[in-house]
């Protein structure tokens, strides 16, 4: 089955400009054209674009994507170790981001628990009106070993 530019953009949740950018940057294989010179994308093209989108959505730098795609297009079997290495490095990057988000999620959950405790404490009205500095001190205690950037 073949798809128009609009159909591909809608199917993959990207803009037509993004598709044209990928094509200009040499990230896509040669896209076929119909008799009216409109781009016609195949299933294989869509899979290719989806891979690029996956790499972008996981914050792979464009220069690395270009390197990977160049190896994929021109490197043949000899480039498999290098392509694998690019993906292994990116996997480690993603795992690091997931760990950081898990730590931050834990912090957010602790903060929600703190607010639940304050809201459920009927004895002291003053705790409900904790000022920012007091709350920040409590928040820093919750941070514990979680590294954060200033």
Protein backbone atom coordinates (compact mmCIF):
# COMPACT_ATOMS: atom_id res chain seq x y z
CA UNK A 1 0.00 0.00 0.00
CA UNK A 2 1.17 3.53 -0.75
CA UNK A 3 0.57 6.71 1.23
CA UNK A 4 0.54 10.43 0.54
CA UNK A 5 2.58 12.91 2.54
CA UNK A 6 -0.51 13.92 4.52
CA UNK A 7 -1.37 10.31 5.31
CA UNK A 8 2.16 9.54 6.51
CA UNK A 9 2.29 12.68 8.64
CA UNK A 10 -1.06 11.83 10.23
CA UNK A 11 -0.24 8.15 10.69
CA UNK A 12 3.09 8.92 12.44
CA UNK A 13 2.01 12.04 14.31
CA UNK A 14 4.54 14.32 12.63
CA UNK A 15 4.26 17.32 10.34
CA UNK A 16 4.74 17.37 6.59
CA UNK A 17 7.61 19.78 7.21
CA UNK A 18 9.30 17.12 9.34
CA UNK A 19 9.01 14.62 6.50
CA UNK A 20 10.49 17.13 4.06
CA UNK A 21 13.27 17.93 6.53
CA UNK A 22 14.17 14.23 6.87
CA UNK A 23 14.26 13.98 3.09
CA UNK A 24 16.42 17.13 2.67
CA UNK A 25 18.85 15.85 5.31
CA UNK A 26 19.28 12.59 3.44
CA UNK A 27 17.74 10.50 6.20
CA UNK A 28 15.19 8.80 3.94
CA UNK A 29 15.65 6.43 1.05
CA UNK A 30 14.64 7.80 -2.36
CA UNK A 31 10.92 8.57 -2.05
CA UNK A 32 8.94 7.60 -5.13
CA UNK A 33 6.84 10.17 -6.99
CA UNK A 34 3.57 9.73 -8.84
CA UNK A 35 2.75 11.08 -12.32
CA UNK A 36 1.93 14.49 -10.74
CA UNK A 37 5.35 14.52 -8.97
CA UNK A 38 3.73 14.03 -5.55
CA UNK A 39 5.61 11.93 -3.01
CA UNK A 40 4.33 8.39 -2.56
CA UNK A 41 5.49 6.57 0.58
CA UNK A 42 5.62 2.78 0.87
CA UNK A 43 5.24 0.67 4.01
CA UNK A 44 9.03 0.34 4.03
CA UNK A 45 9.38 4.15 3.94
CA UNK A 46 6.99 4.45 6.87
CA UNK A 47 8.99 1.92 8.90
CA UNK A 48 12.15 3.90 8.11
CA UNK A 49 10.52 7.18 9.21
CA UNK A 50 9.17 5.52 12.35
CA UNK A 51 12.72 4.45 13.28
CA UNK A 52 13.98 8.01 12.85
CA UNK A 53 11.09 9.30 14.93
CA UNK A 54 11.83 6.74 17.65
CA UNK A 55 15.45 7.89 17.81
CA UNK A 56 14.42 11.57 17.91
CA UNK A 57 11.70 10.96 20.51
CA UNK A 58 14.34 9.37 22.75
CA UNK A 59 16.64 12.38 22.34
CA UNK A 60 19.26 10.90 20.06
CA UNK A 61 21.18 13.86 18.63
CA UNK A 62 20.53 14.49 14.95
CA UNK A 63 24.23 14.04 14.14
CA UNK A 64 24.08 10.50 15.60
CA UNK A 65 20.88 9.76 13.69
CA UNK A 66 22.57 10.93 10.49
CA UNK A 67 25.59 8.75 11.24
CA UNK A 68 23.38 5.72 11.96
CA UNK A 69 21.25 6.25 8.84
CA UNK A 70 24.32 6.76 6.67
CA UNK A 71 25.75 3.47 7.92
CA UNK A 72 22.39 1.80 7.35
CA UNK A 73 22.11 3.13 3.80
CA UNK A 74 25.72 2.73 2.66
CA UNK A 75 27.59 0.54 5.12
CA UNK A 76 26.22 -2.87 4.33
CA UNK A 77 26.99 -5.78 6.62
CA UNK A 78 30.39 -4.33 7.49
CA UNK A 79 28.69 -1.49 9.37
CA UNK A 80 26.60 -3.73 11.64
CA UNK A 81 29.05 -3.55 14.58
CA UNK A 82 29.16 0.26 14.37
CA UNK A 83 25.37 0.54 14.02
CA UNK A 84 24.96 -1.77 16.99
CA UNK A 85 27.39 0.34 19.01
CA UNK A 86 25.41 3.51 18.27
CA UNK A 87 22.23 1.82 19.51
CA UNK A 88 23.94 0.31 22.58
CA UNK A 89 25.22 3.77 23.55
CA UNK A 90 21.76 5.23 23.04
CA UNK A 91 20.20 2.44 25.07
CA UNK A 92 22.51 3.33 27.98
CA UNK A 93 21.49 6.98 27.63
CA UNK A 94 17.79 6.04 27.72
CA UNK A 95 18.29 3.78 30.75
CA UNK A 96 19.99 6.67 32.53
CA UNK A 97 17.08 8.98 31.72
CA UNK A 98 14.57 6.39 32.91
CA UNK A 99 16.47 6.04 36.20
CA UNK A 100 16.52 9.82 36.64
CA UNK A 101 12.76 10.00 35.94
CA UNK A 102 12.11 7.16 38.39
CA UNK A 103 14.00 9.11 41.07
CA UNK A 104 12.05 12.25 40.25
CA UNK A 105 8.78 10.33 40.27
CA UNK A 106 9.63 9.01 43.73
CA UNK A 107 10.22 12.57 44.86
CA UNK A 108 6.89 13.72 43.41
CA UNK A 109 5.11 10.83 45.16
CA UNK A 110 6.76 11.76 48.46
CA UNK A 111 5.66 15.34 47.94
CA UNK A 112 2.07 14.20 47.33
CA UNK A 113 2.23 12.06 50.49
CA UNK A 114 3.47 15.13 52.40
CA UNK A 115 0.48 17.15 51.19
CA UNK A 116 -1.87 14.31 52.11
CA UNK A 117 -0.41 14.31 55.63
CA UNK A 118 -0.80 18.07 55.94
CA UNK A 119 -4.36 17.97 54.62
CA UNK A 120 -5.33 15.09 56.93
CA UNK A 121 -3.80 16.64 60.05
CA UNK A 122 -6.84 18.25 61.70
CA UNK A 123 -4.91 19.36 64.82
CA UNK A 124 -2.80 22.23 63.56
CA UNK A 125 -4.10 24.76 61.12
CA UNK A 126 -0.62 26.24 60.84
CA UNK A 127 0.73 23.12 59.09
CA UNK A 128 -1.80 23.64 56.34
CA UNK A 129 -0.44 27.13 55.81
CA UNK A 130 3.23 26.18 55.79
CA UNK A 131 5.29 28.91 54.17
CA UNK A 132 7.54 28.29 51.20
CA UNK A 133 10.84 28.23 53.13
CA UNK A 134 9.59 25.65 55.63
CA UNK A 135 8.21 23.54 52.82
CA UNK A 136 11.50 23.80 50.88
CA UNK A 137 13.43 22.53 53.91
CA UNK A 138 11.10 19.53 54.06
CA UNK A 139 11.44 19.05 50.31
CA UNK A 140 15.26 19.00 50.55
CA UNK A 141 14.99 16.29 53.22
CA UNK A 142 12.90 14.25 50.81
CA UNK A 143 15.51 14.74 48.11
CA UNK A 144 17.95 12.76 50.19
CA UNK A 145 20.38 11.18 47.77
CA UNK A 146 18.60 12.29 44.62
CA UNK A 147 20.91 14.43 42.54
CA UNK A 148 19.43 17.52 41.02
CA UNK A 149 20.78 20.28 38.84
CA UNK A 150 20.65 23.88 39.95
